[in-house]
Amino acid sequence: MISRVPVFIGVVLGVVFIAGCEKREMHVKTVNVSASTIYCHFDPSCAVNSTDSTTTPIPMQAGGTALLHSRTFAGRPGTPASGLYGYEYRLDLEKASETMVEVEGVAIKHRPCLLTMSLEFGPIVDTLDYDGDGKAGDLIYVVTSGGPGTIRPGAVHRWRNKLIVNFDTPVCVGPPGDQGHSSYLFGLASTEPPTSAEATVKETAGLAAAPVKYEQLPRASKLDQYPYYKVPVRAPLTNTAPEPEDSGS
């Protein structure tokens, strides 16, 4: 019996460790919805009016304007989201185009793309059934029908309070005279009202002939291969209180 005690303790510690990891990190499932039905969860008219919104330029090195849209709306009485707050985001590079940059004295075409977006996001409501399959627990909806955009979020992860969105394919600026890409609207609900936050959008390999030097791009990360940009958005307040330390007892 005594020889089994260390094994038992090891199993218990393993379970506690796994539970702790699951609390801090999780994969967030997305569901596809249509613009004609998703807003019925928030308003009896099945249409919502933004209570707080931002449209902020992304300081990429590109022609035209790259934008990050964010908006919030309140869940009305009598709806599944009554008393909650809806949040939506979209990367919009439709009016951004490739530009010429100089690399080691040679002018090349630079067509940057964005692949990830992350932000600090407060509590996420997991009691709604966005796609109408009869199962509550949907966390993020993606408006793939009846709304703007063509690129959907792929893998989404939550690390503590940080939401990390990876897109299925890069969201790129357009070639000269043509439209760039846009992500679909994607949204989620929270119990907390909106406050000022900052999203980080990160570039990936674009369609340029060669990468641009770090110093030629604004706010570039010297530690990463491609630059990232900080963009103001609206998001629910996060719990910033430090985690309790182990007393050793």
C-alpha atoms as a PDB file:
ATOM      1  CA  MET A   1       0.000   0.000   0.000  1.00  0.00           C
ATOM      2  CA  ILE A   2       2.800   2.396   0.922  1.00  0.00           C
ATOM      3  CA  SER A   3       4.515   1.869  -2.424  1.00  0.00           C
ATOM      4  CA  ARG A   4       1.437   3.150  -4.212  1.00  0.00           C
ATOM      5  CA  VAL A   5       1.400   6.510  -2.447  1.00  0.00           C
ATOM      6  CA  PRO A   6       3.983   8.223  -4.729  1.00  0.00           C
ATOM      7  CA  VAL A   7       2.080   7.012  -7.799  1.00  0.00           C
ATOM      8  CA  PHE A   8      -1.188   8.342  -6.402  1.00  0.00           C
ATOM      9  CA  ILE A   9       0.384  11.704  -5.591  1.00  0.00           C
ATOM     10  CA  GLY A  10       1.875  11.871  -9.089  1.00  0.00           C
ATOM     11  CA  VAL A  11      -1.527  11.238 -10.681  1.00  0.00           C
ATOM     12  CA  VAL A  12      -3.173  13.918  -8.531  1.00  0.00           C
ATOM     13  CA  LEU A  13      -0.475  16.465  -9.343  1.00  0.00           C
ATOM     14  CA  GLY A  14      -0.790  15.640 -13.046  1.00  0.00           C
ATOM     15  CA  VAL A  15      -4.545  16.219 -12.959  1.00  0.00           C
ATOM     16  CA  VAL A  16      -4.079  19.526 -11.132  1.00  0.00           C
ATOM     17  CA  PHE A  17      -1.446  20.621 -13.654  1.00  0.00           C
ATOM     18  CA  ILE A  18      -3.679  19.759 -16.624  1.00  0.00           C
ATOM     19  CA  ALA A  19      -6.645  21.538 -15.059  1.00  0.00           C
ATOM     20  CA  GLY A  20      -4.483  24.628 -14.520  1.00  0.00           C
ATOM     21  CA  CYS A  21      -3.346  24.605 -18.149  1.00  0.00           C
ATOM     22  CA  GLU A  22      -6.909  24.232 -19.383  1.00  0.00           C
ATOM     23  CA  LYS A  23      -7.934  27.221 -17.297  1.00  0.00           C
ATOM     24  CA  ARG A  24      -5.221  29.404 -18.803  1.00  0.00           C
ATOM     25  CA  GLU A  25      -5.219  28.197 -22.408  1.00  0.00           C
ATOM     26  CA  MET A  26      -8.033  26.931 -24.587  1.00  0.00           C
ATOM     27  CA  HIS A  27      -9.011  26.536 -28.204  1.00  0.00           C
ATOM     28  CA  VAL A  28     -12.017  28.724 -29.004  1.00  0.00           C
ATOM     29  CA  LYS A  29     -14.467  27.201 -31.467  1.00  0.00           C
ATOM     30  CA  THR A  30     -16.019  29.377 -34.184  1.00  0.00           C
ATOM     31  CA  VAL A  31     -19.367  28.850 -35.933  1.00  0.00           C
ATOM     32  CA  ASN A  32     -20.572  30.206 -39.280  1.00  0.00           C
ATOM     33  CA  VAL A  33     -23.703  32.375 -39.291  1.00  0.00           C
ATOM     34  CA  SER A  34     -25.611  34.679 -41.638  1.00  0.00           C
ATOM     35  CA  ALA A  35     -26.150  38.398 -41.178  1.00  0.00           C
ATOM     36  CA  SER A  36     -29.925  37.842 -41.460  1.00  0.00           C
ATOM     37  CA  THR A  37     -30.106  35.656 -38.345  1.00  0.00           C
ATOM     38  CA  ILE A  38     -27.205  36.407 -35.986  1.00  0.00           C
ATOM     39  CA  TYR A  39     -28.505  39.765 -34.785  1.00  0.00           C
ATOM     40  CA  CYS A  40     -31.832  38.234 -33.721  1.00  0.00           C
ATOM     41  CA  HIS A  41     -29.878  37.073 -30.666  1.00  0.00           C
ATOM     42  CA  PHE A  42     -29.305  40.708 -29.671  1.00  0.00           C
ATOM     43  CA  ASP A  43     -32.321  42.670 -30.934  1.00  0.00           C
ATOM     44  CA  PRO A  44     -35.980  41.696 -31.631  1.00  0.00           C
ATOM     45  CA  SER A  45     -35.760  43.493 -34.987  1.00  0.00           C
ATOM     46  CA  CYS A  46     -32.825  41.233 -36.015  1.00  0.00           C
ATOM     47  CA  ALA A  47     -30.766  44.374 -36.676  1.00  0.00           C
ATOM     48  CA  VAL A  48     -28.409  46.153 -34.290  1.00  0.00           C
ATOM     49  CA  ASN A  49     -27.289  49.725 -33.837  1.00  0.00           C
ATOM     50  CA  SER A  50     -23.721  50.253 -32.708  1.00  0.00           C
ATOM     51  CA  THR A  51     -23.417  51.791 -29.275  1.00  0.00           C
ATOM     52  CA  ASP A  52     -19.654  52.216 -29.594  1.00  0.00           C
ATOM     53  CA  SER A  53     -17.489  51.771 -32.678  1.00  0.00           C
ATOM     54  CA  THR A  54     -14.052  52.557 -34.065  1.00  0.00           C
ATOM     55  CA  THR A  55     -12.542  52.478 -37.534  1.00  0.00           C
ATOM     56  CA  THR A  56      -8.804  52.820 -37.108  1.00  0.00           C
ATOM     57  CA  PRO A  57      -6.049  52.869 -39.765  1.00  0.00           C
ATOM     58  CA  ILE A  58      -3.423  50.128 -39.521  1.00  0.00           C
ATOM     59  CA  PRO A  59      -0.022  51.802 -40.066  1.00  0.00           C
ATOM     60  CA  MET A  60       1.182  49.300 -42.663  1.00  0.00           C
ATOM     61  CA  GLN A  61       3.531  50.387 -45.418  1.00  0.00           C
ATOM     62  CA  ALA A  62       1.049  50.261 -48.282  1.00  0.00           C
ATOM     63  CA  GLY A  63      -0.802  52.523 -50.655  1.00  0.00           C
ATOM     64  CA  GLY A  64      -4.312  53.616 -49.699  1.00  0.00           C
ATOM     65  CA  THR A  65      -5.691  52.778 -46.255  1.00  0.00           C
ATOM     66  CA  ALA A  66      -5.769  49.573 -44.223  1.00  0.00           C
ATOM     67  CA  LEU A  67      -8.429  49.532 -41.493  1.00  0.00           C
ATOM     68  CA  LEU A  68      -9.451  47.630 -38.393  1.00  0.00           C
ATOM     69  CA  HIS A  69     -13.161  47.943 -37.632  1.00  0.00           C
ATOM     70  CA  SER A  70     -14.582  47.233 -34.189  1.00  0.00           C
ATOM     71  CA  ARG A  71     -18.090  47.842 -32.916  1.00  0.00           C
ATOM     72  CA  THR A  72     -20.234  47.001 -29.921  1.00  0.00           C
ATOM     73  CA  PHE A  73     -23.969  46.750 -29.337  1.00  0.00           C
ATOM     74  CA  ALA A  74     -26.218  45.960 -26.391  1.00  0.00           C
ATOM     75  CA  GLY A  75     -28.428  42.888 -26.088  1.00  0.00           C
ATOM     76  CA  ARG A  76     -32.039  44.065 -25.849  1.00  0.00           C
ATOM     77  CA  PRO A  77     -34.645  42.764 -23.371  1.00  0.00           C
ATOM     78  CA  GLY A  78     -36.471  39.659 -24.554  1.00  0.00           C
ATOM     79  CA  THR A  79     -33.538  38.334 -26.601  1.00  0.00           C
ATOM     80  CA  PRO A  80     -31.104  35.505 -25.803  1.00  0.00           C
ATOM     81  CA  ALA A  81     -28.362  38.111 -25.280  1.00  0.00           C
ATOM     82  CA  SER A  82     -30.434  40.363 -23.038  1.00  0.00           C
ATOM     83  CA  GLY A  83     -28.171  42.316 -20.689  1.00  0.00           C
ATOM     84  CA  LEU A  84     -25.026  41.301 -22.584  1.00  0.00           C
ATOM     85  CA  TYR A  85     -22.732  43.221 -24.925  1.00  0.00           C
ATOM     86  CA  GLY A  86     -21.883  42.130 -28.464  1.00  0.00           C
ATOM     87  CA  TYR A  87     -18.442  42.790 -29.968  1.00  0.00           C
ATOM     88  CA  GLU A  88     -17.484  42.547 -33.641  1.00  0.00           C
ATOM     89  CA  TYR A  89     -14.195  42.976 -35.499  1.00  0.00           C
ATOM     90  CA  ARG A  90     -13.032  43.020 -39.142  1.00  0.00           C
ATOM     91  CA  LEU A  91      -9.703  43.527 -40.900  1.00  0.00           C
ATOM     92  CA  ASP A  92     -10.361  45.639 -43.995  1.00  0.00           C
ATOM     93  CA  LEU A  93      -7.609  45.969 -46.613  1.00  0.00           C
ATOM     94  CA  GLU A  94      -9.997  46.521 -49.521  1.00  0.00           C
ATOM     95  CA  LYS A  95      -8.738  50.093 -50.077  1.00  0.00           C
ATOM     96  CA  ALA A  96      -5.072  49.307 -49.494  1.00  0.00           C
ATOM     97  CA  SER A  97      -2.689  48.493 -52.342  1.00  0.00           C
ATOM     98  CA  GLU A  98       0.875  47.405 -52.908  1.00  0.00           C
ATOM     99  CA  THR A  99       3.550  50.033 -53.001  1.00  0.00           C
ATOM    100  CA  MET A 100       7.166  50.338 -54.082  1.00  0.00           C
ATOM    101  CA  VAL A 101       9.869  50.196 -51.423  1.00  0.00           C
ATOM    102  CA  GLU A 102      13.619  50.361 -51.618  1.00  0.00           C
ATOM    103  CA  VAL A 103      15.650  47.417 -50.373  1.00  0.00           C
ATOM    104  CA  GLU A 104      19.429  47.798 -50.505  1.00  0.00           C
ATOM    105  CA  GLY A 105      19.119  50.399 -53.232  1.00  0.00           C
ATOM    106  CA  VAL A 106      16.690  48.373 -55.361  1.00  0.00           C
ATOM    107  CA  ALA A 107      13.008  49.363 -55.764  1.00  0.00           C
ATOM    108  CA  ILE A 108      10.655  46.385 -55.397  1.00  0.00           C
ATOM    109  CA  LYS A 109       6.932  45.832 -55.127  1.00  0.00           C
ATOM    110  CA  HIS A 110       5.741  45.441 -51.552  1.00  0.00           C
ATOM    111  CA  ARG A 111       2.361  43.765 -51.012  1.00  0.00           C
ATOM    112  CA  PRO A 112       2.019  43.066 -47.288  1.00  0.00           C
ATOM    113  CA  CYS A 113      -0.478  40.662 -45.720  1.00  0.00           C
ATOM    114  CA  LEU A 114      -1.879  40.210 -42.221  1.00  0.00           C
ATOM    115  CA  LEU A 115      -2.301  36.766 -40.686  1.00  0.00           C
ATOM    116  CA  THR A 116      -2.996  37.171 -36.960  1.00  0.00           C
ATOM    117  CA  MET A 117      -4.827  39.530 -34.641  1.00  0.00           C
ATOM    118  CA  SER A 118      -4.702  39.423 -30.849  1.00  0.00           C
ATOM    119  CA  LEU A 119      -6.181  41.501 -28.052  1.00  0.00           C
ATOM    120  CA  GLU A 120      -6.897  41.472 -24.337  1.00  0.00           C
ATOM    121  CA  PHE A 121     -10.551  40.479 -24.005  1.00  0.00           C
ATOM    122  CA  GLY A 122     -12.584  40.138 -20.808  1.00  0.00           C
ATOM    123  CA  PRO A 123     -15.083  37.382 -19.975  1.00  0.00           C
ATOM    124  CA  ILE A 124     -16.616  35.590 -22.980  1.00  0.00           C
ATOM    125  CA  VAL A 125     -20.220  34.401 -22.724  1.00  0.00           C
ATOM    126  CA  ASP A 126     -20.606  30.697 -23.563  1.00  0.00           C
ATOM    127  CA  THR A 127     -24.368  30.256 -23.132  1.00  0.00           C
ATOM    128  CA  LEU A 128     -25.583  31.252 -26.607  1.00  0.00           C
ATOM    129  CA  ASP A 129     -26.466  29.180 -29.680  1.00  0.00           C
ATOM    130  CA  TYR A 130     -25.331  31.397 -32.537  1.00  0.00           C
ATOM    131  CA  ASP A 131     -25.685  28.899 -35.390  1.00  0.00           C
ATOM    132  CA  GLY A 132     -29.091  27.544 -34.353  1.00  0.00           C
ATOM    133  CA  ASP A 133     -28.078  23.882 -34.073  1.00  0.00           C
ATOM    134  CA  GLY A 134     -29.842  23.544 -30.733  1.00  0.00           C
ATOM    135  CA  LYS A 135     -26.599  23.407 -28.758  1.00  0.00           C
ATOM    136  CA  ALA A 136     -25.623  26.309 -26.532  1.00  0.00           C
ATOM    137  CA  GLY A 137     -21.978  27.046 -25.857  1.00  0.00           C
ATOM    138  CA  ASP A 138     -20.940  28.874 -29.043  1.00  0.00           C
ATOM    139  CA  LEU A 139     -18.145  31.360 -28.315  1.00  0.00           C
ATOM    140  CA  ILE A 140     -17.336  33.155 -31.592  1.00  0.00           C
ATOM    141  CA  TYR A 141     -19.546  33.618 -34.654  1.00  0.00           C
ATOM    142  CA  VAL A 142     -18.291  34.412 -38.150  1.00  0.00           C
ATOM    143  CA  VAL A 143     -20.662  36.203 -40.552  1.00  0.00           C
ATOM    144  CA  THR A 144     -19.949  34.225 -43.726  1.00  0.00           C
ATOM    145  CA  SER A 145     -23.248  35.084 -45.437  1.00  0.00           C
ATOM    146  CA  GLY A 146     -24.850  38.458 -46.064  1.00  0.00           C
ATOM    147  CA  GLY A 147     -21.926  40.539 -44.769  1.00  0.00           C
ATOM    148  CA  PRO A 148     -18.607  41.920 -46.030  1.00  0.00           C
ATOM    149  CA  GLY A 149     -15.379  39.992 -46.383  1.00  0.00           C
ATOM    150  CA  THR A 150     -14.087  36.716 -47.817  1.00  0.00           C
ATOM    151  CA  ILE A 151     -11.543  35.400 -45.289  1.00  0.00           C
ATOM    152  CA  ARG A 152     -12.587  33.687 -42.074  1.00  0.00           C
ATOM    153  CA  PRO A 153     -10.776  33.238 -38.797  1.00  0.00           C
ATOM    154  CA  GLY A 154      -9.248  29.778 -38.568  1.00  0.00           C
ATOM    155  CA  ALA A 155      -7.666  28.657 -35.310  1.00  0.00           C
ATOM    156  CA  VAL A 156      -8.577  30.882 -32.368  1.00  0.00           C
ATOM    157  CA  HIS A 157      -6.933  30.483 -28.967  1.00  0.00           C
ATOM    158  CA  ARG A 158      -7.390  32.101 -25.591  1.00  0.00           C
ATOM    159  CA  TRP A 159      -4.352  32.432 -23.329  1.00  0.00           C
ATOM    160  CA  ARG A 160      -5.428  33.826 -19.963  1.00  0.00           C
ATOM    161  CA  ASN A 161      -7.132  37.067 -21.057  1.00  0.00           C
ATOM    162  CA  LYS A 162      -5.557  37.226 -24.515  1.00  0.00           C
ATOM    163  CA  LEU A 163      -7.589  36.229 -27.569  1.00  0.00           C
ATOM    164  CA  ILE A 164      -5.406  35.157 -30.522  1.00  0.00           C
ATOM    165  CA  VAL A 165      -7.091  34.945 -33.946  1.00  0.00           C
ATOM    166  CA  ASN A 166      -5.307  33.221 -36.847  1.00  0.00           C
ATOM    167  CA  PHE A 167      -6.901  33.677 -40.268  1.00  0.00           C
ATOM    168  CA  ASP A 168      -7.356  30.781 -42.697  1.00  0.00           C
ATOM    169  CA  THR A 169      -5.403  32.638 -45.382  1.00  0.00           C
ATOM    170  CA  PRO A 170      -3.475  35.928 -45.264  1.00  0.00           C
ATOM    171  CA  VAL A 171      -5.481  39.157 -45.565  1.00  0.00           C
ATOM    172  CA  CYS A 172      -3.506  41.045 -48.209  1.00  0.00           C
ATOM    173  CA  VAL A 173      -3.507  44.499 -49.779  1.00  0.00           C
ATOM    174  CA  GLY A 174      -4.478  44.556 -53.438  1.00  0.00           C
ATOM    175  CA  PRO A 175      -2.401  44.921 -56.606  1.00  0.00           C
ATOM    176  CA  PRO A 176      -2.492  48.335 -58.342  1.00  0.00           C
ATOM    177  CA  GLY A 177      -5.986  49.186 -59.525  1.00  0.00           C
ATOM    178  CA  ASP A 178      -7.600  46.219 -57.763  1.00  0.00           C
ATOM    179  CA  GLN A 179      -9.294  45.634 -54.438  1.00  0.00           C
ATOM    180  CA  GLY A 180      -7.499  44.140 -51.464  1.00  0.00           C
ATOM    181  CA  HIS A 181      -8.799  41.483 -49.075  1.00  0.00           C
ATOM    182  CA  SER A 182     -11.110  41.748 -46.091  1.00  0.00           C
ATOM    183  CA  SER A 183     -11.875  39.321 -43.308  1.00  0.00           C
ATOM    184  CA  TYR A 184     -15.416  38.353 -42.456  1.00  0.00           C
ATOM    185  CA  LEU A 185     -16.996  40.043 -39.485  1.00  0.00           C
ATOM    186  CA  PHE A 186     -16.458  37.924 -36.400  1.00  0.00           C
ATOM    187  CA  GLY A 187     -18.053  38.523 -33.042  1.00  0.00           C
ATOM    188  CA  LEU A 188     -18.582  37.366 -29.503  1.00  0.00           C
ATOM    189  CA  ALA A 189     -20.523  38.429 -26.420  1.00  0.00           C
ATOM    190  CA  SER A 190     -19.463  39.484 -22.940  1.00  0.00           C
ATOM    191  CA  THR A 191     -21.069  40.455 -19.674  1.00  0.00           C
ATOM    192  CA  GLU A 192     -18.801  43.513 -19.491  1.00  0.00           C
ATOM    193  CA  PRO A 193     -19.335  46.873 -21.267  1.00  0.00           C
ATOM    194  CA  PRO A 194     -16.764  48.215 -23.741  1.00  0.00           C
ATOM    195  CA  THR A 195     -13.608  50.029 -22.785  1.00  0.00           C
ATOM    196  CA  SER A 196     -10.496  51.203 -24.617  1.00  0.00           C
ATOM    197  CA  ALA A 197      -8.196  48.361 -25.663  1.00  0.00           C
ATOM    198  CA  GLU A 198      -5.403  47.687 -28.140  1.00  0.00           C
ATOM    199  CA  ALA A 199      -5.277  44.960 -30.767  1.00  0.00           C
ATOM    200  CA  THR A 200      -2.049  43.657 -32.252  1.00  0.00           C
ATOM    201  CA  VAL A 201      -2.120  42.725 -35.929  1.00  0.00           C
ATOM    202  CA  LYS A 202       0.889  40.971 -37.381  1.00  0.00           C
ATOM    203  CA  GLU A 203       2.149  40.715 -40.930  1.00  0.00           C
ATOM    204  CA  THR A 204       3.171  37.552 -42.688  1.00  0.00           C
ATOM    205  CA  ALA A 205       4.944  36.882 -45.983  1.00  0.00           C
ATOM    206  CA  GLY A 206       3.260  38.932 -48.671  1.00  0.00           C
ATOM    207  CA  LEU A 207       3.645  38.882 -52.426  1.00  0.00           C
ATOM    208  CA  ALA A 208       6.689  41.146 -52.502  1.00  0.00           C
ATOM    209  CA  ALA A 209       9.812  40.096 -54.355  1.00  0.00           C
ATOM    210  CA  ALA A 210      11.807  40.292 -51.116  1.00  0.00           C
ATOM    211  CA  PRO A 211      11.211  41.147 -47.453  1.00  0.00           C
ATOM    212  CA  VAL A 212      11.538  44.764 -46.426  1.00  0.00           C
ATOM    213  CA  LYS A 213      14.206  45.761 -43.929  1.00  0.00           C
ATOM    214  CA  TYR A 214      12.970  46.206 -40.364  1.00  0.00           C
ATOM    215  CA  GLU A 215      13.982  49.837 -40.149  1.00  0.00           C
ATOM    216  CA  GLN A 216      11.925  50.611 -43.242  1.00  0.00           C
ATOM    217  CA  LEU A 217       8.680  49.544 -41.548  1.00  0.00           C
ATOM    218  CA  PRO A 218       6.930  51.364 -38.685  1.00  0.00           C
ATOM    219  CA  ARG A 219       6.753  49.629 -35.281  1.00  0.00           C
ATOM    220  CA  ALA A 220       8.620  46.601 -36.512  1.00  0.00           C
ATOM    221  CA  SER A 221       9.623  43.877 -34.086  1.00  0.00           C
ATOM    222  CA  LYS A 222      13.370  43.243 -34.078  1.00  0.00           C
ATOM    223  CA  LEU A 223      12.737  39.776 -32.612  1.00  0.00           C
ATOM    224  CA  ASP A 224      10.276  38.575 -35.231  1.00  0.00           C
ATOM    225  CA  GLN A 225      10.651  38.145 -38.950  1.00  0.00           C
ATOM    226  CA  TYR A 226       7.669  40.344 -39.787  1.00  0.00           C
ATOM    227  CA  PRO A 227       6.385  43.556 -38.188  1.00  0.00           C
ATOM    228  CA  TYR A 228       3.320  44.008 -36.021  1.00  0.00           C
ATOM    229  CA  TYR A 229       1.092  47.013 -35.365  1.00  0.00           C
ATOM    230  CA  LYS A 230      -0.833  48.214 -32.315  1.00  0.00           C
ATOM    231  CA  VAL A 231      -4.340  49.435 -33.165  1.00  0.00           C
ATOM    232  CA  PRO A 232      -6.956  50.937 -30.778  1.00  0.00           C
ATOM    233  CA  VAL A 233     -10.209  48.980 -30.525  1.00  0.00           C
ATOM    234  CA  ARG A 234     -13.080  48.485 -28.089  1.00  0.00           C
ATOM    235  CA  ALA A 235     -13.226  45.400 -25.879  1.00  0.00           C
ATOM    236  CA  PRO A 236     -14.611  44.351 -22.481  1.00  0.00           C
ATOM    237  CA  LEU A 237     -12.582  45.030 -19.379  1.00  0.00           C
ATOM    238  CA  THR A 238     -10.256  42.207 -18.364  1.00  0.00           C
ATOM    239  CA  ASN A 239      -9.411  41.040 -14.893  1.00  0.00           C
ATOM    240  CA  THR A 240      -5.952  42.464 -14.383  1.00  0.00           C
ATOM    241  CA  ALA A 241      -5.584  41.390 -10.750  1.00  0.00           C
ATOM    242  CA  PRO A 242      -2.436  39.257 -10.229  1.00  0.00           C
ATOM    243  CA  GLU A 243      -2.886  35.553  -9.603  1.00  0.00           C
ATOM    244  CA  PRO A 244      -2.505  34.517  -5.946  1.00  0.00           C
ATOM    245  CA  GLU A 245       0.943  33.195  -5.104  1.00  0.00           C
ATOM    246  CA  ASP A 246       1.468  29.760  -3.633  1.00  0.00           C
ATOM    247  CA  SER A 247       1.887  30.151   0.137  1.00  0.00           C
ATOM    248  CA  GLY A 248       3.795  26.879   0.284  1.00  0.00           C
ATOM    249  CA  SER A 249       1.458  25.388   2.849  1.00  0.00           C
END
